[in-house]
Amino acid sequence: MPRRSFARALKSVNDWCKSNRHQPIEAQHDYLARAIRGHYAYYGLAGNGKRLAWFRYQVARTWRKWLARRSRRRCLNWDRMNDILKRYPLPSVKVVRSWKPS
């Protein structure tokens, strides 16, 4: 996957999280899960699994960053974020097709 398209996908996730951090976590999870599944559908070629896993991790990092900025009361550390991810898991890596023509 070219770096520009990867960066563009992460930028769109970042912008969405920034402008929708006030939404309930369920609504945010629904959008992010759809975005990740769409990314897997387009870039889910055999041999691209590491890059897909890295995209998923970057989405989780971005989501945590913007959830942490919702309140001044307490920080959102990775222990709390992992609890959120257990309750609202992001889709796992899925390779949808082979790169060889059939």
C-alpha atoms as a PDB file:
ATOM      1  CA  MET A   1       0.000   0.000   0.000  1.00  0.00           C
ATOM      2  CA  PRO A   2       1.465   3.390  -0.906  1.00  0.00           C
ATOM      3  CA  ARG A   3       2.400   5.628   1.991  1.00  0.00           C
ATOM      4  CA  ARG A   4       0.303   8.529   0.743  1.00  0.00           C
ATOM      5  CA  SER A   5      -2.928   6.555   0.747  1.00  0.00           C
ATOM      6  CA  PHE A   6      -2.122   5.099   4.168  1.00  0.00           C
ATOM      7  CA  ALA A   7      -1.418   8.572   5.557  1.00  0.00           C
ATOM      8  CA  ARG A   8      -4.593   9.902   3.951  1.00  0.00           C
ATOM      9  CA  ALA A   9      -6.678   7.134   5.545  1.00  0.00           C
ATOM     10  CA  LEU A  10      -5.183   7.819   8.986  1.00  0.00           C
ATOM     11  CA  LYS A  11      -5.705  11.560   8.544  1.00  0.00           C
ATOM     12  CA  SER A  12      -9.373  11.040   7.772  1.00  0.00           C
ATOM     13  CA  VAL A  13      -9.750   8.865  10.890  1.00  0.00           C
ATOM     14  CA  ASN A  14      -7.948  11.494  12.958  1.00  0.00           C
ATOM     15  CA  ASP A  15     -10.136  14.309  11.640  1.00  0.00           C
ATOM     16  CA  TRP A  16     -13.301  12.304  12.247  1.00  0.00           C
ATOM     17  CA  CYS A  17     -12.289  11.403  15.808  1.00  0.00           C
ATOM     18  CA  LYS A  18     -11.382  15.016  16.520  1.00  0.00           C
ATOM     19  CA  SER A  19     -14.717  16.382  15.368  1.00  0.00           C
ATOM     20  CA  ASN A  20     -16.843  13.573  16.855  1.00  0.00           C
ATOM     21  CA  ARG A  21     -15.183  12.989  20.239  1.00  0.00           C
ATOM     22  CA  HIS A  22     -18.368  14.208  21.946  1.00  0.00           C
ATOM     23  CA  GLN A  23     -20.351  11.288  20.466  1.00  0.00           C
ATOM     24  CA  PRO A  24     -21.032   8.214  22.635  1.00  0.00           C
ATOM     25  CA  ILE A  25     -18.323   5.562  22.520  1.00  0.00           C
ATOM     26  CA  GLU A  26     -20.730   3.127  20.832  1.00  0.00           C
ATOM     27  CA  ALA A  27     -21.282   5.506  17.904  1.00  0.00           C
ATOM     28  CA  GLN A  28     -17.559   6.136  17.585  1.00  0.00           C
ATOM     29  CA  HIS A  29     -16.873   2.398  17.650  1.00  0.00           C
ATOM     30  CA  ASP A  30     -19.431   1.758  14.904  1.00  0.00           C
ATOM     31  CA  TYR A  31     -17.819   4.313  12.606  1.00  0.00           C
ATOM     32  CA  LEU A  32     -14.248   3.169  13.293  1.00  0.00           C
ATOM     33  CA  ALA A  33     -15.144  -0.502  12.833  1.00  0.00           C
ATOM     34  CA  ARG A  34     -16.742   0.314   9.460  1.00  0.00           C
ATOM     35  CA  ALA A  35     -13.693   2.340   8.439  1.00  0.00           C
ATOM     36  CA  ILE A  36     -11.342  -0.512   9.356  1.00  0.00           C
ATOM     37  CA  ARG A  37     -13.465  -3.122   7.568  1.00  0.00           C
ATOM     38  CA  GLY A  38     -13.541  -0.927   4.473  1.00  0.00           C
ATOM     39  CA  HIS A  39      -9.769  -0.523   4.645  1.00  0.00           C
ATOM     40  CA  TYR A  40      -9.381  -4.310   4.906  1.00  0.00           C
ATOM     41  CA  ALA A  41     -11.723  -4.804   1.961  1.00  0.00           C
ATOM     42  CA  TYR A  42      -9.642  -2.547  -0.262  1.00  0.00           C
ATOM     43  CA  TYR A  43      -6.094  -3.300   0.935  1.00  0.00           C
ATOM     44  CA  GLY A  44      -6.666  -6.846   2.276  1.00  0.00           C
ATOM     45  CA  LEU A  45      -4.282  -8.647  -0.056  1.00  0.00           C
ATOM     46  CA  ALA A  46      -2.234 -11.683   0.922  1.00  0.00           C
ATOM     47  CA  GLY A  47       1.130 -10.499   2.229  1.00  0.00           C
ATOM     48  CA  ASN A  48      -0.256  -7.195   3.500  1.00  0.00           C
ATOM     49  CA  GLY A  49      -1.215  -8.465   6.975  1.00  0.00           C
ATOM     50  CA  LYS A  50       1.440  -6.557   8.918  1.00  0.00           C
ATOM     51  CA  ARG A  51       0.422  -3.273   7.341  1.00  0.00           C
ATOM     52  CA  LEU A  52      -3.255  -3.962   8.075  1.00  0.00           C
ATOM     53  CA  ALA A  53      -2.425  -4.749  11.706  1.00  0.00           C
ATOM     54  CA  TRP A  54      -0.416  -1.555  11.923  1.00  0.00           C
ATOM     55  CA  PHE A  55      -3.354   0.425  10.529  1.00  0.00           C
ATOM     56  CA  ARG A  56      -5.634  -1.073  13.186  1.00  0.00           C
ATOM     57  CA  TYR A  57      -3.139  -0.163  15.917  1.00  0.00           C
ATOM     58  CA  GLN A  58      -2.844   3.418  14.619  1.00  0.00           C
ATOM     59  CA  VAL A  59      -6.637   3.762  14.604  1.00  0.00           C
ATOM     60  CA  ALA A  60      -6.732   2.579  18.242  1.00  0.00           C
ATOM     61  CA  ARG A  61      -3.986   5.083  19.152  1.00  0.00           C
ATOM     62  CA  THR A  62      -5.843   7.921  17.454  1.00  0.00           C
ATOM     63  CA  TRP A  63      -9.121   6.958  19.104  1.00  0.00           C
ATOM     64  CA  ARG A  64      -7.436   6.881  22.528  1.00  0.00           C
ATOM     65  CA  LYS A  65      -5.854  10.289  21.910  1.00  0.00           C
ATOM     66  CA  TRP A  66      -9.175  11.949  21.204  1.00  0.00           C
ATOM     67  CA  LEU A  67     -11.077  10.097  23.926  1.00  0.00           C
ATOM     68  CA  ALA A  68      -8.470  11.333  26.411  1.00  0.00           C
ATOM     69  CA  ARG A  69      -9.227  14.922  25.403  1.00  0.00           C
ATOM     70  CA  ARG A  70     -12.927  14.671  26.237  1.00  0.00           C
ATOM     71  CA  SER A  71     -12.456  15.549  29.876  1.00  0.00           C
ATOM     72  CA  ARG A  72      -9.989  17.255  32.179  1.00  0.00           C
ATOM     73  CA  ARG A  73     -10.842  15.079  35.164  1.00  0.00           C
ATOM     74  CA  ARG A  74      -8.671  12.069  34.523  1.00  0.00           C
ATOM     75  CA  CYS A  75      -6.427  10.765  31.830  1.00  0.00           C
ATOM     76  CA  LEU A  76      -7.225   7.818  29.624  1.00  0.00           C
ATOM     77  CA  ASN A  77      -4.258   5.514  30.010  1.00  0.00           C
ATOM     78  CA  TRP A  78      -3.766   2.327  28.032  1.00  0.00           C
ATOM     79  CA  ASP A  79      -5.218   0.172  30.824  1.00  0.00           C
ATOM     80  CA  ARG A  80      -8.556   1.975  30.552  1.00  0.00           C
ATOM     81  CA  MET A  81      -8.338   2.009  26.764  1.00  0.00           C
ATOM     82  CA  ASN A  82      -7.773  -1.754  26.717  1.00  0.00           C
ATOM     83  CA  ASP A  83     -10.919  -2.129  28.838  1.00  0.00           C
ATOM     84  CA  ILE A  84     -12.820  -0.069  26.253  1.00  0.00           C
ATOM     85  CA  LEU A  85     -11.358  -2.195  23.452  1.00  0.00           C
ATOM     86  CA  LYS A  86     -12.470  -5.375  25.245  1.00  0.00           C
ATOM     87  CA  ARG A  87     -16.009  -4.063  25.389  1.00  0.00           C
ATOM     88  CA  TYR A  88     -15.910  -2.513  21.899  1.00  0.00           C
ATOM     89  CA  PRO A  89     -13.326  -4.519  19.950  1.00  0.00           C
ATOM     90  CA  LEU A  90     -12.031  -3.240  16.647  1.00  0.00           C
ATOM     91  CA  PRO A  91     -12.129  -5.754  13.766  1.00  0.00           C
ATOM     92  CA  SER A  92      -9.150  -8.079  13.625  1.00  0.00           C
ATOM     93  CA  VAL A  93      -6.936  -8.281  10.562  1.00  0.00           C
ATOM     94  CA  LYS A  94      -8.611  -9.980   7.638  1.00  0.00           C
ATOM     95  CA  VAL A  95      -6.996 -10.792   4.311  1.00  0.00           C
ATOM     96  CA  VAL A  96      -9.859 -10.928   1.845  1.00  0.00           C
ATOM     97  CA  ARG A  97      -8.152 -11.971  -1.379  1.00  0.00           C
ATOM     98  CA  SER A  98      -4.994 -13.282  -2.916  1.00  0.00           C
ATOM     99  CA  TRP A  99      -2.848 -11.068  -5.090  1.00  0.00           C
ATOM    100  CA  LYS A 100      -2.700 -13.768  -7.744  1.00  0.00           C
ATOM    101  CA  PRO A 101      -5.336 -13.486 -10.463  1.00  0.00           C
ATOM    102  CA  SER A 102      -7.770 -16.394 -10.475  1.00  0.00           C
END
